[in-house]
Amino acid sequence: MSVTGPGAAPKPPIGALLPLLADGDTDAVTVIEGNRITGIVTRTDLISALARSVARAGTDG
């Protein structure tokens, strides 16, 4: 099996995925560990993580 499109290492920082998913050409990034696909991060996942981050920041101050 081959994987086309962008890939990321396990537990990538959100900032590394932002440019890949924000351009509009990519809907998901495959997370690859060794030779195995271990996950998929979608635009929806990215938006959810950013929303949680903003909500936490709002309660800190």
N, C-alpha and C. Protein backbone atom coordinates (compact mmCIF):
# COMPACT_ATOMS: atom_id res chain seq x y z
N MET A 1 0.85 -1.17 0.00
CA MET A 1 0.00 0.00 0.00
C MET A 1 0.89 1.23 0.00
N SER A 2 0.51 2.23 -0.76
CA SER A 2 1.26 3.48 -0.76
C SER A 2 0.37 4.60 -0.25
N VAL A 3 1.03 5.58 0.34
CA VAL A 3 0.32 6.74 0.88
C VAL A 3 0.69 7.95 0.05
N THR A 4 -0.31 8.62 -0.47
CA THR A 4 -0.04 9.85 -1.20
C THR A 4 -0.48 11.02 -0.36
N GLY A 5 0.12 12.14 -0.59
CA GLY A 5 -0.21 13.32 0.18
C GLY A 5 0.75 13.48 1.35
N PRO A 6 0.54 14.53 2.13
CA PRO A 6 1.47 14.80 3.22
C PRO A 6 1.35 13.79 4.35
N GLY A 7 2.48 13.56 5.00
CA GLY A 7 2.50 12.68 6.15
C GLY A 7 3.20 13.37 7.31
N ALA A 8 2.97 12.88 8.52
CA ALA A 8 3.57 13.46 9.71
C ALA A 8 4.03 12.35 10.64
N ALA A 9 4.99 12.68 11.48
CA ALA A 9 5.46 11.76 12.51
C ALA A 9 4.42 11.71 13.63
N PRO A 10 4.48 10.70 14.50
CA PRO A 10 3.55 10.62 15.62
C PRO A 10 3.63 11.87 16.51
N LYS A 11 2.48 12.30 17.01
CA LYS A 11 2.35 13.46 17.91
C LYS A 11 3.00 14.72 17.34
N PRO A 12 2.65 15.08 16.12
CA PRO A 12 3.24 16.30 15.56
C PRO A 12 2.69 17.53 16.26
N PRO A 13 3.50 18.58 16.38
CA PRO A 13 2.95 19.82 16.95
C PRO A 13 1.90 20.39 16.00
N ILE A 14 0.88 20.99 16.56
CA ILE A 14 -0.23 21.51 15.76
C ILE A 14 0.27 22.53 14.74
N GLY A 15 1.30 23.29 15.11
CA GLY A 15 1.85 24.29 14.20
C GLY A 15 2.44 23.68 12.94
N ALA A 16 2.90 22.43 13.02
CA ALA A 16 3.46 21.76 11.84
C ALA A 16 2.37 21.32 10.88
N LEU A 17 1.17 21.06 11.40
CA LEU A 17 0.07 20.60 10.55
C LEU A 17 -0.72 21.74 9.94
N LEU A 18 -0.69 22.89 10.60
CA LEU A 18 -1.48 24.03 10.15
C LEU A 18 -1.24 24.40 8.69
N PRO A 19 0.01 24.57 8.24
CA PRO A 19 0.19 24.93 6.84
C PRO A 19 -0.27 23.84 5.86
N LEU A 20 -0.15 22.58 6.29
CA LEU A 20 -0.55 21.47 5.41
C LEU A 20 -2.06 21.44 5.19
N LEU A 21 -2.82 21.74 6.25
CA LEU A 21 -4.27 21.63 6.17
C LEU A 21 -4.97 22.94 5.84
N ALA A 22 -4.29 24.06 6.00
CA ALA A 22 -4.93 25.36 5.79
C ALA A 22 -4.95 25.81 4.34
N ASP A 23 -4.14 25.22 3.50
CA ASP A 23 -4.04 25.70 2.12
C ASP A 23 -5.24 25.35 1.26
N GLY A 24 -6.07 24.42 1.70
CA GLY A 24 -7.26 24.05 0.94
C GLY A 24 -7.07 22.88 0.00
N ASP A 25 -5.83 22.47 -0.22
CA ASP A 25 -5.57 21.35 -1.12
C ASP A 25 -5.59 19.99 -0.43
N THR A 26 -5.41 19.99 0.88
CA THR A 26 -5.31 18.75 1.64
C THR A 26 -6.41 18.69 2.69
N ASP A 27 -7.12 17.59 2.72
CA ASP A 27 -8.19 17.40 3.71
C ASP A 27 -7.72 16.66 4.95
N ALA A 28 -6.64 15.89 4.81
CA ALA A 28 -6.15 15.08 5.92
C ALA A 28 -4.66 14.83 5.77
N VAL A 29 -4.01 14.64 6.91
CA VAL A 29 -2.59 14.30 6.95
C VAL A 29 -2.47 12.93 7.60
N THR A 30 -1.75 12.04 6.97
CA THR A 30 -1.55 10.70 7.49
C THR A 30 -0.42 10.72 8.51
N VAL A 31 -0.64 10.10 9.66
CA VAL A 31 0.40 9.98 10.68
C VAL A 31 1.06 8.62 10.49
N ILE A 32 2.39 8.64 10.30
CA ILE A 32 3.12 7.42 9.97
C ILE A 32 4.20 7.18 11.02
N GLU A 33 4.25 5.96 11.53
CA GLU A 33 5.29 5.56 12.47
C GLU A 33 5.99 4.34 11.89
N GLY A 34 7.25 4.50 11.54
CA GLY A 34 7.96 3.43 10.85
C GLY A 34 7.34 3.24 9.48
N ASN A 35 6.88 2.05 9.19
CA ASN A 35 6.22 1.74 7.92
C ASN A 35 4.72 1.59 8.07
N ARG A 36 4.16 2.01 9.23
CA ARG A 36 2.74 1.81 9.49
C ARG A 36 2.00 3.13 9.60
N ILE A 37 0.79 3.14 9.08
CA ILE A 37 -0.10 4.28 9.28
C ILE A 37 -0.71 4.11 10.67
N THR A 38 -0.51 5.12 11.52
CA THR A 38 -1.02 5.02 12.88
C THR A 38 -2.15 6.00 13.17
N GLY A 39 -2.46 6.87 12.21
CA GLY A 39 -3.56 7.79 12.42
C GLY A 39 -3.75 8.74 11.25
N ILE A 40 -4.79 9.51 11.35
CA ILE A 40 -5.11 10.52 10.34
C ILE A 40 -5.59 11.76 11.08
N VAL A 41 -5.06 12.91 10.71
CA VAL A 41 -5.49 14.18 11.28
C VAL A 41 -6.21 14.94 10.17
N THR A 42 -7.46 15.31 10.42
CA THR A 42 -8.26 16.02 9.43
C THR A 42 -8.34 17.51 9.76
N ARG A 43 -8.89 18.28 8.85
CA ARG A 43 -9.11 19.70 9.13
C ARG A 43 -10.02 19.88 10.34
N THR A 44 -11.02 19.02 10.45
CA THR A 44 -11.93 19.09 11.59
C THR A 44 -11.17 18.87 12.90
N ASP A 45 -10.24 17.93 12.92
CA ASP A 45 -9.42 17.70 14.11
C ASP A 45 -8.61 18.96 14.45
N LEU A 46 -8.05 19.58 13.43
CA LEU A 46 -7.25 20.79 13.63
C LEU A 46 -8.10 21.93 14.20
N ILE A 47 -9.27 22.14 13.64
CA ILE A 47 -10.17 23.19 14.12
C ILE A 47 -10.58 22.91 15.56
N SER A 48 -10.87 21.67 15.87
CA SER A 48 -11.26 21.29 17.23
C SER A 48 -10.13 21.56 18.22
N ALA A 49 -8.91 21.19 17.86
CA ALA A 49 -7.76 21.42 18.74
C ALA A 49 -7.52 22.91 18.95
N LEU A 50 -7.65 23.70 17.90
CA LEU A 50 -7.47 25.14 18.02
C LEU A 50 -8.56 25.76 18.89
N ALA A 51 -9.80 25.29 18.74
CA ALA A 51 -10.90 25.80 19.55
C ALA A 51 -10.69 25.48 21.03
N ARG A 52 -10.24 24.26 21.33
CA ARG A 52 -9.95 23.90 22.73
C ARG A 52 -8.84 24.76 23.29
N SER A 53 -7.82 25.02 22.48
CA SER A 53 -6.71 25.86 22.91
C SER A 53 -7.17 27.28 23.22
N VAL A 54 -8.00 27.83 22.37
CA VAL A 54 -8.53 29.19 22.60
C VAL A 54 -9.40 29.22 23.84
N ALA A 55 -10.22 28.19 24.03
CA ALA A 55 -11.11 28.14 25.20
C ALA A 55 -10.30 28.05 26.48
N ARG A 56 -9.23 27.26 26.47
CA ARG A 56 -8.36 27.16 27.65
C ARG A 56 -7.66 28.48 27.92
N ALA A 57 -7.21 29.14 26.89
CA ALA A 57 -6.53 30.42 27.05
C ALA A 57 -7.48 31.46 27.63
N GLY A 58 -8.74 31.39 27.27
CA GLY A 58 -9.73 32.33 27.78
C GLY A 58 -10.03 32.14 29.25
N THR A 59 -9.85 30.94 29.77
CA THR A 59 -10.11 30.69 31.19
C THR A 59 -8.90 30.92 32.06
N ASP A 60 -7.73 31.10 31.43
CA ASP A 60 -6.50 31.32 32.20
C ASP A 60 -6.36 32.75 32.70
N GLY A 61 -7.00 33.68 32.05
CA GLY A 61 -6.69 35.04 32.39
C GLY A 61 -7.80 35.81 32.93
